Amino acid sequence: MAIHLYKDAELTQQISEGTLMNPDSDVFNGTDGDSKDRQLHLANEQTTLASAIDGVTATIPLAEPRFADGQIIIVGSEQMLITSGGGTTQLTVERGYGGTTAGNHSSGTKVYSGYNYSDLTVQPVDEVGSSEASWVKLAADQAGLDAAVGGASLGLNNKAHSATLSFWRRIIVPAGTPVQNKTDIKLRLTGTESPII
């Protein structure tokens, strides 16, 4: 999926996927029991144009390398198909893809991966050793965490390519929990990815 979790609303602190380079992490007091809440944000892969482009330019300069060959990207209301340069800041694209109109775009204009999502669900999972997935509660807002069931999934429904969804997670470490570096509780995101065409 071309969608990611972030720790901040500005979408600058992406949570690592499959590695521990930038995990959603906290320090807890397991002796007395502890809980912490955090708002998380879900957004499509995105960056901005590094400089302005006109309606015929086939090389698109990006502020950051974000996309792969064969992906559809959206700049303004124009769709573009990446034909080469994926993984770099200089993409060669087919302009006006999917019947959209190629146009001029200013430096700093957002560039999104061209996918919408439906039936999104996030679920805490722990597949190593004993499961502590029940330590995690998820809710649409912070007030909802009190009534949420530990380990239960949260339906986020549908997301358009340019929308950012947010939800809250609470981790509750029970009193008497031995000191440990717990790295196997993960948030699994599932849903249907559909290209915008």
C-alpha atoms as a PDB file:
ATOM      1  CA  MET A   1       0.000   0.000   0.000  1.00  0.00           C
ATOM      2  CA  ALA A   2       1.096   3.576  -0.670  1.00  0.00           C
ATOM      3  CA  ILE A   3      -0.270   4.661   2.716  1.00  0.00           C
ATOM      4  CA  HIS A   4       1.595   5.220   5.983  1.00  0.00           C
ATOM      5  CA  LEU A   5       1.174   5.935   9.703  1.00  0.00           C
ATOM      6  CA  TYR A   6       2.651   9.111  11.172  1.00  0.00           C
ATOM      7  CA  LYS A   7       3.181  10.334  14.747  1.00  0.00           C
ATOM      8  CA  ASP A   8       2.437  13.963  13.862  1.00  0.00           C
ATOM      9  CA  ALA A   9      -0.273  15.881  12.009  1.00  0.00           C
ATOM     10  CA  GLU A  10       2.391  17.540   9.839  1.00  0.00           C
ATOM     11  CA  LEU A  11       3.280  14.062   8.482  1.00  0.00           C
ATOM     12  CA  THR A  12       7.015  14.443   9.116  1.00  0.00           C
ATOM     13  CA  GLN A  13       7.467  11.528  11.577  1.00  0.00           C
ATOM     14  CA  GLN A  14       6.582   8.386   9.642  1.00  0.00           C
ATOM     15  CA  ILE A  15       6.348   5.255  11.752  1.00  0.00           C
ATOM     16  CA  SER A  16       8.664   2.572  10.409  1.00  0.00           C
ATOM     17  CA  GLU A  17       7.136  -0.468   8.758  1.00  0.00           C
ATOM     18  CA  GLY A  18       8.828  -3.780   9.404  1.00  0.00           C
ATOM     19  CA  THR A  19      11.902  -2.211  11.021  1.00  0.00           C
ATOM     20  CA  LEU A  20      12.626  -0.445  14.285  1.00  0.00           C
ATOM     21  CA  MET A  21      14.168   2.636  12.635  1.00  0.00           C
ATOM     22  CA  ASN A  22      11.327   4.937  13.808  1.00  0.00           C
ATOM     23  CA  PRO A  23       8.814   2.924  15.853  1.00  0.00           C
ATOM     24  CA  ASP A  24       5.741   4.185  17.685  1.00  0.00           C
ATOM     25  CA  SER A  25       7.456   3.855  21.055  1.00  0.00           C
ATOM     26  CA  ASP A  26       7.096   4.998  24.675  1.00  0.00           C
ATOM     27  CA  VAL A  27       8.646   4.177  28.050  1.00  0.00           C
ATOM     28  CA  PHE A  28       6.280   2.699  30.637  1.00  0.00           C
ATOM     29  CA  ASN A  29       6.335   1.991  34.375  1.00  0.00           C
ATOM     30  CA  GLY A  30       5.529  -1.720  34.529  1.00  0.00           C
ATOM     31  CA  THR A  31       6.052  -1.943  38.288  1.00  0.00           C
ATOM     32  CA  ASP A  32       3.089   0.275  39.113  1.00  0.00           C
ATOM     33  CA  GLY A  33       1.258  -0.063  35.790  1.00  0.00           C
ATOM     34  CA  ASP A  34       1.144   2.717  33.252  1.00  0.00           C
ATOM     35  CA  SER A  35      -0.782   3.855  30.183  1.00  0.00           C
ATOM     36  CA  LYS A  36      -0.113   6.396  27.468  1.00  0.00           C
ATOM     37  CA  ASP A  37      -2.240   7.792  24.678  1.00  0.00           C
ATOM     38  CA  ARG A  38      -1.068   8.986  21.271  1.00  0.00           C
ATOM     39  CA  GLN A  39      -2.897  10.321  18.253  1.00  0.00           C
ATOM     40  CA  LEU A  40      -1.737   8.688  15.026  1.00  0.00           C
ATOM     41  CA  HIS A  41      -2.291   9.909  11.472  1.00  0.00           C
ATOM     42  CA  LEU A  42      -2.832   7.899   8.290  1.00  0.00           C
ATOM     43  CA  ALA A  43      -1.944   9.476   4.933  1.00  0.00           C
ATOM     44  CA  ASN A  44      -0.972   8.564   1.391  1.00  0.00           C
ATOM     45  CA  GLU A  45       2.664   8.679   0.330  1.00  0.00           C
ATOM     46  CA  GLN A  46       3.322  12.315  -0.551  1.00  0.00           C
ATOM     47  CA  THR A  47       5.871  15.047  -1.141  1.00  0.00           C
ATOM     48  CA  THR A  48       5.917  18.377  -3.007  1.00  0.00           C
ATOM     49  CA  LEU A  49       7.209  19.688  -6.332  1.00  0.00           C
ATOM     50  CA  ALA A  50      10.773  20.985  -5.922  1.00  0.00           C
ATOM     51  CA  SER A  51      10.189  23.552  -8.690  1.00  0.00           C
ATOM     52  CA  ALA A  52       7.370  24.724 -10.948  1.00  0.00           C
ATOM     53  CA  ILE A  53       6.419  22.729 -14.050  1.00  0.00           C
ATOM     54  CA  ASP A  54       4.505  23.727 -17.161  1.00  0.00           C
ATOM     55  CA  GLY A  55       1.855  21.684 -18.956  1.00  0.00           C
ATOM     56  CA  VAL A  56       4.290  19.827 -21.228  1.00  0.00           C
ATOM     57  CA  THR A  57       7.236  19.029 -18.944  1.00  0.00           C
ATOM     58  CA  ALA A  58       7.726  15.252 -18.757  1.00  0.00           C
ATOM     59  CA  THR A  59      10.371  15.336 -15.995  1.00  0.00           C
ATOM     60  CA  ILE A  60       8.895  16.090 -12.593  1.00  0.00           C
ATOM     61  CA  PRO A  61      11.262  17.408  -9.846  1.00  0.00           C
ATOM     62  CA  LEU A  62      10.285  16.225  -6.356  1.00  0.00           C
ATOM     63  CA  ALA A  63      11.412  17.516  -2.960  1.00  0.00           C
ATOM     64  CA  GLU A  64      11.900  13.900  -1.770  1.00  0.00           C
ATOM     65  CA  PRO A  65      12.067  10.493  -3.487  1.00  0.00           C
ATOM     66  CA  ARG A  66       8.762   8.804  -2.706  1.00  0.00           C
ATOM     67  CA  PHE A  67       7.346   6.898  -5.658  1.00  0.00           C
ATOM     68  CA  ALA A  68       8.087   3.841  -7.823  1.00  0.00           C
ATOM     69  CA  ASP A  69       7.919   3.253 -11.571  1.00  0.00           C
ATOM     70  CA  GLY A  70       4.407   2.317 -12.682  1.00  0.00           C
ATOM     71  CA  GLN A  71       2.668   4.263  -9.901  1.00  0.00           C
ATOM     72  CA  ILE A  72       0.048   6.910 -10.547  1.00  0.00           C
ATOM     73  CA  ILE A  73       0.635  10.251  -8.846  1.00  0.00           C
ATOM     74  CA  ILE A  74      -1.695  13.229  -8.450  1.00  0.00           C
ATOM     75  CA  VAL A  75      -0.571  16.857  -8.747  1.00  0.00           C
ATOM     76  CA  GLY A  76      -3.501  19.235  -8.319  1.00  0.00           C
ATOM     77  CA  SER A  77      -6.260  17.538 -10.320  1.00  0.00           C
ATOM     78  CA  GLU A  78      -3.852  16.048 -12.874  1.00  0.00           C
ATOM     79  CA  GLN A  79      -2.922  12.372 -12.825  1.00  0.00           C
ATOM     80  CA  MET A  80       0.510  11.251 -14.037  1.00  0.00           C
ATOM     81  CA  LEU A  81       1.897   7.764 -14.664  1.00  0.00           C
ATOM     82  CA  ILE A  82       5.529   7.301 -13.613  1.00  0.00           C
ATOM     83  CA  THR A  83       7.412   5.686 -16.511  1.00  0.00           C
ATOM     84  CA  SER A  84      10.952   5.942 -15.067  1.00  0.00           C
ATOM     85  CA  GLY A  85      12.999   7.502 -12.276  1.00  0.00           C
ATOM     86  CA  GLY A  86      11.089   5.795  -9.466  1.00  0.00           C
ATOM     87  CA  GLY A  87      12.938   6.039  -6.159  1.00  0.00           C
ATOM     88  CA  THR A  88      14.574   9.339  -7.174  1.00  0.00           C
ATOM     89  CA  THR A  89      13.635  13.019  -7.095  1.00  0.00           C
ATOM     90  CA  GLN A  90      13.470  13.216 -10.916  1.00  0.00           C
ATOM     91  CA  LEU A  91      10.532  11.314 -12.350  1.00  0.00           C
ATOM     92  CA  THR A  92       9.709  10.849 -16.009  1.00  0.00           C
ATOM     93  CA  VAL A  93       5.946  10.752 -16.344  1.00  0.00           C
ATOM     94  CA  GLU A  94       3.095  10.442 -18.801  1.00  0.00           C
ATOM     95  CA  ARG A  95       1.172  13.700 -18.300  1.00  0.00           C
ATOM     96  CA  GLY A  96      -2.629  13.983 -18.283  1.00  0.00           C
ATOM     97  CA  TYR A  97      -3.046  10.295 -17.436  1.00  0.00           C
ATOM     98  CA  GLY A  98      -6.514   8.794 -17.077  1.00  0.00           C
ATOM     99  CA  GLY A  99      -8.179  11.498 -19.148  1.00  0.00           C
ATOM    100  CA  THR A 100      -7.073  14.343 -16.887  1.00  0.00           C
ATOM    101  CA  THR A 101      -5.688  17.595 -18.292  1.00  0.00           C
ATOM    102  CA  ALA A 102      -1.963  18.402 -18.112  1.00  0.00           C
ATOM    103  CA  GLY A 103      -1.460  21.810 -16.567  1.00  0.00           C
ATOM    104  CA  ASN A 104       0.988  24.190 -14.917  1.00  0.00           C
ATOM    105  CA  HIS A 105       1.880  23.482 -11.282  1.00  0.00           C
ATOM    106  CA  SER A 106       3.734  25.732  -8.825  1.00  0.00           C
ATOM    107  CA  SER A 107       6.776  24.825  -6.757  1.00  0.00           C
ATOM    108  CA  GLY A 108       5.621  23.387  -3.422  1.00  0.00           C
ATOM    109  CA  THR A 109       2.416  21.846  -4.833  1.00  0.00           C
ATOM    110  CA  LYS A 110       1.553  18.570  -3.089  1.00  0.00           C
ATOM    111  CA  VAL A 111       2.200  15.340  -4.989  1.00  0.00           C
ATOM    112  CA  TYR A 112       0.189  12.336  -3.753  1.00  0.00           C
ATOM    113  CA  SER A 113       0.197   8.660  -4.609  1.00  0.00           C
ATOM    114  CA  GLY A 114      -2.871   8.185  -6.792  1.00  0.00           C
ATOM    115  CA  TYR A 115      -4.836   5.705  -4.725  1.00  0.00           C
ATOM    116  CA  ASN A 116      -8.031   5.821  -2.709  1.00  0.00           C
ATOM    117  CA  TYR A 117      -8.718   3.329   0.069  1.00  0.00           C
ATOM    118  CA  SER A 118     -11.889   1.635   1.231  1.00  0.00           C
ATOM    119  CA  ASP A 119     -12.774  -0.548   4.205  1.00  0.00           C
ATOM    120  CA  LEU A 120      -9.642   0.474   6.134  1.00  0.00           C
ATOM    121  CA  THR A 121      -9.159  -1.306   9.441  1.00  0.00           C
ATOM    122  CA  VAL A 122      -6.324  -1.056  11.949  1.00  0.00           C
ATOM    123  CA  GLN A 123      -5.716  -3.873  14.429  1.00  0.00           C
ATOM    124  CA  PRO A 124      -3.108  -4.435  17.146  1.00  0.00           C
ATOM    125  CA  VAL A 125      -1.264  -7.728  16.657  1.00  0.00           C
ATOM    126  CA  ASP A 126       1.448  -9.587  18.541  1.00  0.00           C
ATOM    127  CA  GLU A 127       2.649 -12.712  16.752  1.00  0.00           C
ATOM    128  CA  VAL A 128       5.767 -13.473  18.821  1.00  0.00           C
ATOM    129  CA  GLY A 129       5.637 -15.299  22.164  1.00  0.00           C
ATOM    130  CA  SER A 130       2.711 -14.495  24.429  1.00  0.00           C
ATOM    131  CA  SER A 131       0.343 -11.908  22.965  1.00  0.00           C
ATOM    132  CA  GLU A 132       0.125  -8.506  24.566  1.00  0.00           C
ATOM    133  CA  ALA A 133      -2.110  -7.115  21.787  1.00  0.00           C
ATOM    134  CA  SER A 134      -4.787  -6.675  24.484  1.00  0.00           C
ATOM    135  CA  TRP A 135      -2.581  -3.935  25.979  1.00  0.00           C
ATOM    136  CA  VAL A 136      -3.553  -1.751  22.991  1.00  0.00           C
ATOM    137  CA  LYS A 137      -6.864   0.103  22.683  1.00  0.00           C
ATOM    138  CA  LEU A 138      -7.869   1.982  19.522  1.00  0.00           C
ATOM    139  CA  ALA A 139     -10.568   4.639  19.066  1.00  0.00           C
ATOM    140  CA  ALA A 140     -11.596   7.383  16.650  1.00  0.00           C
ATOM    141  CA  ASP A 141     -11.072  10.006  19.369  1.00  0.00           C
ATOM    142  CA  GLN A 142      -9.310  10.158  22.722  1.00  0.00           C
ATOM    143  CA  ALA A 143     -12.547  10.056  24.726  1.00  0.00           C
ATOM    144  CA  GLY A 144     -13.447   6.777  23.017  1.00  0.00           C
ATOM    145  CA  LEU A 145     -10.368   5.029  24.418  1.00  0.00           C
ATOM    146  CA  ASP A 146     -12.038   4.563  27.822  1.00  0.00           C
ATOM    147  CA  ALA A 147     -14.763   2.348  26.325  1.00  0.00           C
ATOM    148  CA  ALA A 148     -12.548   0.648  23.708  1.00  0.00           C
ATOM    149  CA  VAL A 149     -11.768  -3.057  24.064  1.00  0.00           C
ATOM    150  CA  GLY A 150      -8.099  -4.009  24.313  1.00  0.00           C
ATOM    151  CA  GLY A 151      -6.881  -5.852  21.215  1.00  0.00           C
ATOM    152  CA  ALA A 152      -9.980  -4.996  19.152  1.00  0.00           C
ATOM    153  CA  SER A 153      -9.706  -3.631  15.621  1.00  0.00           C
ATOM    154  CA  LEU A 154     -10.875  -0.154  14.623  1.00  0.00           C
ATOM    155  CA  GLY A 155     -12.725   0.515  11.373  1.00  0.00           C
ATOM    156  CA  LEU A 156     -11.512   3.678   9.667  1.00  0.00           C
ATOM    157  CA  ASN A 157     -13.773   3.268   6.621  1.00  0.00           C
ATOM    158  CA  ASN A 158     -12.747   5.074   3.407  1.00  0.00           C
ATOM    159  CA  LYS A 159      -9.934   7.520   2.582  1.00  0.00           C
ATOM    160  CA  ALA A 160      -9.442   9.676  -0.506  1.00  0.00           C
ATOM    161  CA  HIS A 161      -5.881  10.146  -1.815  1.00  0.00           C
ATOM    162  CA  SER A 162      -5.489  13.665  -0.379  1.00  0.00           C
ATOM    163  CA  ALA A 163      -7.239  13.047   2.958  1.00  0.00           C
ATOM    164  CA  THR A 164      -5.503  12.371   6.252  1.00  0.00           C
ATOM    165  CA  LEU A 165      -7.290  10.195   8.811  1.00  0.00           C
ATOM    166  CA  SER A 166      -6.439  10.193  12.484  1.00  0.00           C
ATOM    167  CA  PHE A 167      -7.203   7.875  15.378  1.00  0.00           C
ATOM    168  CA  TRP A 168      -6.018   7.346  18.936  1.00  0.00           C
ATOM    169  CA  ARG A 169      -4.174   4.452  20.514  1.00  0.00           C
ATOM    170  CA  ARG A 170      -3.689   3.736  24.197  1.00  0.00           C
ATOM    171  CA  ILE A 171      -1.119   1.256  25.464  1.00  0.00           C
ATOM    172  CA  ILE A 172      -1.780  -0.061  28.956  1.00  0.00           C
ATOM    173  CA  VAL A 173       1.049  -1.904  30.698  1.00  0.00           C
ATOM    174  CA  PRO A 174      -0.364  -3.830  33.679  1.00  0.00           C
ATOM    175  CA  ALA A 175       1.150  -3.405  37.147  1.00  0.00           C
ATOM    176  CA  GLY A 176       3.783  -6.025  37.950  1.00  0.00           C
ATOM    177  CA  THR A 177       5.000  -6.316  34.356  1.00  0.00           C
ATOM    178  CA  PRO A 178       8.716  -7.239  34.319  1.00  0.00           C
ATOM    179  CA  VAL A 179      11.185  -4.856  32.716  1.00  0.00           C
ATOM    180  CA  GLN A 180      11.498  -5.650  29.015  1.00  0.00           C
ATOM    181  CA  ASN A 181      12.045  -4.114  25.628  1.00  0.00           C
ATOM    182  CA  LYS A 182       8.743  -5.029  23.976  1.00  0.00           C
ATOM    183  CA  THR A 183       9.108  -4.718  20.208  1.00  0.00           C
ATOM    184  CA  ASP A 184       6.587  -7.181  18.808  1.00  0.00           C
ATOM    185  CA  ILE A 185       3.282  -5.330  19.228  1.00  0.00           C
ATOM    186  CA  LYS A 186       2.354  -3.939  15.827  1.00  0.00           C
ATOM    187  CA  LEU A 187      -0.549  -2.137  14.194  1.00  0.00           C
ATOM    188  CA  ARG A 188      -1.776  -3.994  11.106  1.00  0.00           C
ATOM    189  CA  LEU A 189      -3.574  -1.927   8.493  1.00  0.00           C
ATOM    190  CA  THR A 190      -5.855  -3.655   5.997  1.00  0.00           C
ATOM    191  CA  GLY A 191      -8.168  -2.367   3.308  1.00  0.00           C
ATOM    192  CA  THR A 192      -8.710  -2.147  -0.426  1.00  0.00           C
ATOM    193  CA  GLU A 193      -6.399   0.045  -2.509  1.00  0.00           C
ATOM    194  CA  SER A 194      -7.917   1.416  -5.723  1.00  0.00           C
ATOM    195  CA  PRO A 195      -6.086   3.505  -8.330  1.00  0.00           C
ATOM    196  CA  ILE A 196      -7.802   6.749  -9.219  1.00  0.00           C
ATOM    197  CA  ILE A 197      -8.803   6.398 -12.853  1.00  0.00           C
END
